Amino acid sequence: MNTLRAYLPNPTTMALIAAVALVAAVGSIDPAFAQPAGGSAFQPIESAFDKVLDFLTGTFATTAATIAVSVCGYLALTSRIPWMMCFSIVVGVAFIFGGAQIVQTLSGGGL
């Protein structure tokens, strides 16, 4: 462990190197990058979240929810599922597909 310390610079030199790197980084920033070019600065993030939302509530989610509710129905038909589990599956599906309306109602956007 002492042999590694022999190769490291002293703390003053490391602080000086860090300060020079910080000044160089701050000096190279172009202020034009901070301004949105005709749109929202968060547009790429919004686009990514829109794609995730489309996936979570789109065809894949509809198919998965249909299979889950069908399996729940068959298990309930044969009395092999606890009713709380069946209830939680149905409520989960309702939350997934009603999430936008629930958030809009809670944020005061509608009734």
C-alpha atoms as a PDB file:
ATOM      1  CA  MET A   1       0.000   0.000   0.000  1.00  0.00           C
ATOM      2  CA  ASN A   2       2.887   2.362   0.699  1.00  0.00           C
ATOM      3  CA  THR A   3       4.299   1.690  -2.783  1.00  0.00           C
ATOM      4  CA  LEU A   4       1.150   3.125  -4.395  1.00  0.00           C
ATOM      5  CA  ARG A   5       1.463   6.306  -2.387  1.00  0.00           C
ATOM      6  CA  ALA A   6       4.924   6.898  -3.854  1.00  0.00           C
ATOM      7  CA  TYR A   7       3.398   7.239  -7.347  1.00  0.00           C
ATOM      8  CA  LEU A   8       0.621   9.662  -6.422  1.00  0.00           C
ATOM      9  CA  PRO A   9       1.233  13.420  -6.453  1.00  0.00           C
ATOM     10  CA  ASN A  10       0.803  15.340  -3.224  1.00  0.00           C
ATOM     11  CA  PRO A  11      -2.628  16.846  -2.404  1.00  0.00           C
ATOM     12  CA  THR A  12      -1.574  20.382  -3.357  1.00  0.00           C
ATOM     13  CA  THR A  13      -0.601  19.276  -6.854  1.00  0.00           C
ATOM     14  CA  MET A  14      -3.832  17.312  -7.227  1.00  0.00           C
ATOM     15  CA  ALA A  15      -5.879  20.358  -6.150  1.00  0.00           C
ATOM     16  CA  LEU A  16      -4.038  22.534  -8.665  1.00  0.00           C
ATOM     17  CA  ILE A  17      -4.699  20.040 -11.458  1.00  0.00           C
ATOM     18  CA  ALA A  18      -8.390  19.880 -10.513  1.00  0.00           C
ATOM     19  CA  ALA A  19      -8.661  23.689 -10.484  1.00  0.00           C
ATOM     20  CA  VAL A  20      -7.034  23.978 -13.922  1.00  0.00           C
ATOM     21  CA  ALA A  21      -9.355  21.288 -15.302  1.00  0.00           C
ATOM     22  CA  LEU A  22     -12.381  23.081 -13.861  1.00  0.00           C
ATOM     23  CA  VAL A  23     -11.352  26.430 -15.359  1.00  0.00           C
ATOM     24  CA  ALA A  24     -10.742  24.764 -18.733  1.00  0.00           C
ATOM     25  CA  ALA A  25     -14.121  23.033 -18.653  1.00  0.00           C
ATOM     26  CA  VAL A  26     -16.034  26.166 -17.671  1.00  0.00           C
ATOM     27  CA  GLY A  27     -14.196  28.233 -20.255  1.00  0.00           C
ATOM     28  CA  SER A  28     -15.059  25.853 -23.070  1.00  0.00           C
ATOM     29  CA  ILE A  29     -18.828  25.914 -22.509  1.00  0.00           C
ATOM     30  CA  ASP A  30     -20.737  27.675 -25.269  1.00  0.00           C
ATOM     31  CA  PRO A  31     -23.749  29.658 -23.937  1.00  0.00           C
ATOM     32  CA  ALA A  32     -25.723  28.872 -27.114  1.00  0.00           C
ATOM     33  CA  PHE A  33     -26.054  25.249 -25.987  1.00  0.00           C
ATOM     34  CA  ALA A  34     -28.117  26.344 -23.000  1.00  0.00           C
ATOM     35  CA  GLN A  35     -30.839  27.862 -25.174  1.00  0.00           C
ATOM     36  CA  PRO A  36     -33.468  25.699 -26.828  1.00  0.00           C
ATOM     37  CA  ALA A  37     -33.530  25.919 -30.616  1.00  0.00           C
ATOM     38  CA  GLY A  38     -37.169  26.669 -31.375  1.00  0.00           C
ATOM     39  CA  GLY A  39     -38.573  24.170 -28.887  1.00  0.00           C
ATOM     40  CA  SER A  40     -38.513  22.875 -25.392  1.00  0.00           C
ATOM     41  CA  ALA A  41     -35.153  22.100 -23.842  1.00  0.00           C
ATOM     42  CA  PHE A  42     -36.669  18.919 -22.410  1.00  0.00           C
ATOM     43  CA  GLN A  43     -38.054  17.659 -25.730  1.00  0.00           C
ATOM     44  CA  PRO A  44     -35.684  14.637 -25.963  1.00  0.00           C
ATOM     45  CA  ILE A  45     -36.617  13.551 -22.436  1.00  0.00           C
ATOM     46  CA  GLU A  46     -40.326  14.038 -23.153  1.00  0.00           C
ATOM     47  CA  SER A  47     -39.972  12.008 -26.323  1.00  0.00           C
ATOM     48  CA  ALA A  48     -38.290   9.158 -24.443  1.00  0.00           C
ATOM     49  CA  PHE A  49     -40.970   9.161 -21.740  1.00  0.00           C
ATOM     50  CA  ASP A  50     -43.698   9.221 -24.405  1.00  0.00           C
ATOM     51  CA  LYS A  51     -42.184   6.110 -25.977  1.00  0.00           C
ATOM     52  CA  VAL A  52     -42.070   4.361 -22.599  1.00  0.00           C
ATOM     53  CA  LEU A  53     -45.694   5.352 -21.914  1.00  0.00           C
ATOM     54  CA  ASP A  54     -46.779   4.097 -25.333  1.00  0.00           C
ATOM     55  CA  PHE A  55     -45.077   0.775 -24.632  1.00  0.00           C
ATOM     56  CA  LEU A  56     -46.544   0.437 -21.124  1.00  0.00           C
ATOM     57  CA  THR A  57     -50.103   1.228 -22.253  1.00  0.00           C
ATOM     58  CA  GLY A  58     -49.970   0.049 -25.871  1.00  0.00           C
ATOM     59  CA  THR A  59     -50.484  -3.263 -27.595  1.00  0.00           C
ATOM     60  CA  PHE A  60     -48.017  -5.168 -25.412  1.00  0.00           C
ATOM     61  CA  ALA A  61     -49.679  -4.024 -22.188  1.00  0.00           C
ATOM     62  CA  THR A  62     -53.146  -4.722 -23.553  1.00  0.00           C
ATOM     63  CA  THR A  63     -52.130  -8.252 -24.502  1.00  0.00           C
ATOM     64  CA  ALA A  64     -50.436  -8.884 -21.148  1.00  0.00           C
ATOM     65  CA  ALA A  65     -53.433  -7.512 -19.217  1.00  0.00           C
ATOM     66  CA  THR A  66     -55.843  -9.632 -21.255  1.00  0.00           C
ATOM     67  CA  ILE A  67     -53.798 -12.753 -20.536  1.00  0.00           C
ATOM     68  CA  ALA A  68     -53.543 -11.887 -16.814  1.00  0.00           C
ATOM     69  CA  VAL A  69     -57.272 -11.285 -16.436  1.00  0.00           C
ATOM     70  CA  SER A  70     -58.083 -14.426 -18.450  1.00  0.00           C
ATOM     71  CA  VAL A  71     -55.811 -16.582 -16.290  1.00  0.00           C
ATOM     72  CA  CYS A  72     -57.327 -14.974 -13.214  1.00  0.00           C
ATOM     73  CA  GLY A  73     -60.800 -15.805 -14.533  1.00  0.00           C
ATOM     74  CA  TYR A  74     -59.919 -19.441 -15.247  1.00  0.00           C
ATOM     75  CA  LEU A  75     -58.322 -19.848 -11.828  1.00  0.00           C
ATOM     76  CA  ALA A  76     -61.334 -18.244 -10.165  1.00  0.00           C
ATOM     77  CA  LEU A  77     -63.630 -20.524 -12.163  1.00  0.00           C
ATOM     78  CA  THR A  78     -61.884 -23.566 -10.748  1.00  0.00           C
ATOM     79  CA  SER A  79     -61.562 -22.040  -7.246  1.00  0.00           C
ATOM     80  CA  ARG A  80     -57.760 -22.156  -7.311  1.00  0.00           C
ATOM     81  CA  ILE A  81     -56.972 -18.480  -6.711  1.00  0.00           C
ATOM     82  CA  PRO A  82     -57.408 -16.380  -3.583  1.00  0.00           C
ATOM     83  CA  TRP A  83     -59.910 -13.615  -4.197  1.00  0.00           C
ATOM     84  CA  MET A  84     -57.478 -10.972  -2.933  1.00  0.00           C
ATOM     85  CA  MET A  85     -55.006 -11.942  -5.645  1.00  0.00           C
ATOM     86  CA  CYS A  86     -57.739 -11.806  -8.271  1.00  0.00           C
ATOM     87  CA  PHE A  87     -58.842  -8.415  -6.954  1.00  0.00           C
ATOM     88  CA  SER A  88     -55.265  -7.101  -6.986  1.00  0.00           C
ATOM     89  CA  ILE A  89     -54.776  -8.180 -10.619  1.00  0.00           C
ATOM     90  CA  VAL A  90     -57.943  -6.404 -11.731  1.00  0.00           C
ATOM     91  CA  VAL A  91     -57.103  -3.263  -9.734  1.00  0.00           C
ATOM     92  CA  GLY A  92     -53.556  -3.305 -11.150  1.00  0.00           C
ATOM     93  CA  VAL A  93     -54.900  -3.412 -14.695  1.00  0.00           C
ATOM     94  CA  ALA A  94     -57.268  -0.560 -13.884  1.00  0.00           C
ATOM     95  CA  PHE A  95     -54.369   1.503 -12.513  1.00  0.00           C
ATOM     96  CA  ILE A  96     -52.211   0.822 -15.564  1.00  0.00           C
ATOM     97  CA  PHE A  97     -54.787   1.855 -18.126  1.00  0.00           C
ATOM     98  CA  GLY A  98     -56.461   4.538 -16.007  1.00  0.00           C
ATOM     99  CA  GLY A  99     -53.203   6.092 -14.815  1.00  0.00           C
ATOM    100  CA  ALA A 100     -53.453   9.178 -17.020  1.00  0.00           C
ATOM    101  CA  GLN A 101     -56.977   9.968 -15.811  1.00  0.00           C
ATOM    102  CA  ILE A 102     -56.018   9.323 -12.188  1.00  0.00           C
ATOM    103  CA  VAL A 103     -53.024  11.689 -12.391  1.00  0.00           C
ATOM    104  CA  GLN A 104     -55.084  14.321 -14.192  1.00  0.00           C
ATOM    105  CA  THR A 105     -57.789  14.156 -11.528  1.00  0.00           C
ATOM    106  CA  LEU A 106     -55.302  14.297  -8.645  1.00  0.00           C
ATOM    107  CA  SER A 107     -53.491  17.272 -10.178  1.00  0.00           C
ATOM    108  CA  GLY A 108     -56.760  19.189 -10.496  1.00  0.00           C
ATOM    109  CA  GLY A 109     -57.003  18.992 -14.268  1.00  0.00           C
ATOM    110  CA  GLY A 110     -60.426  17.408 -14.439  1.00  0.00           C
ATOM    111  CA  LEU A 111     -63.196  15.622 -12.656  1.00  0.00           C
END
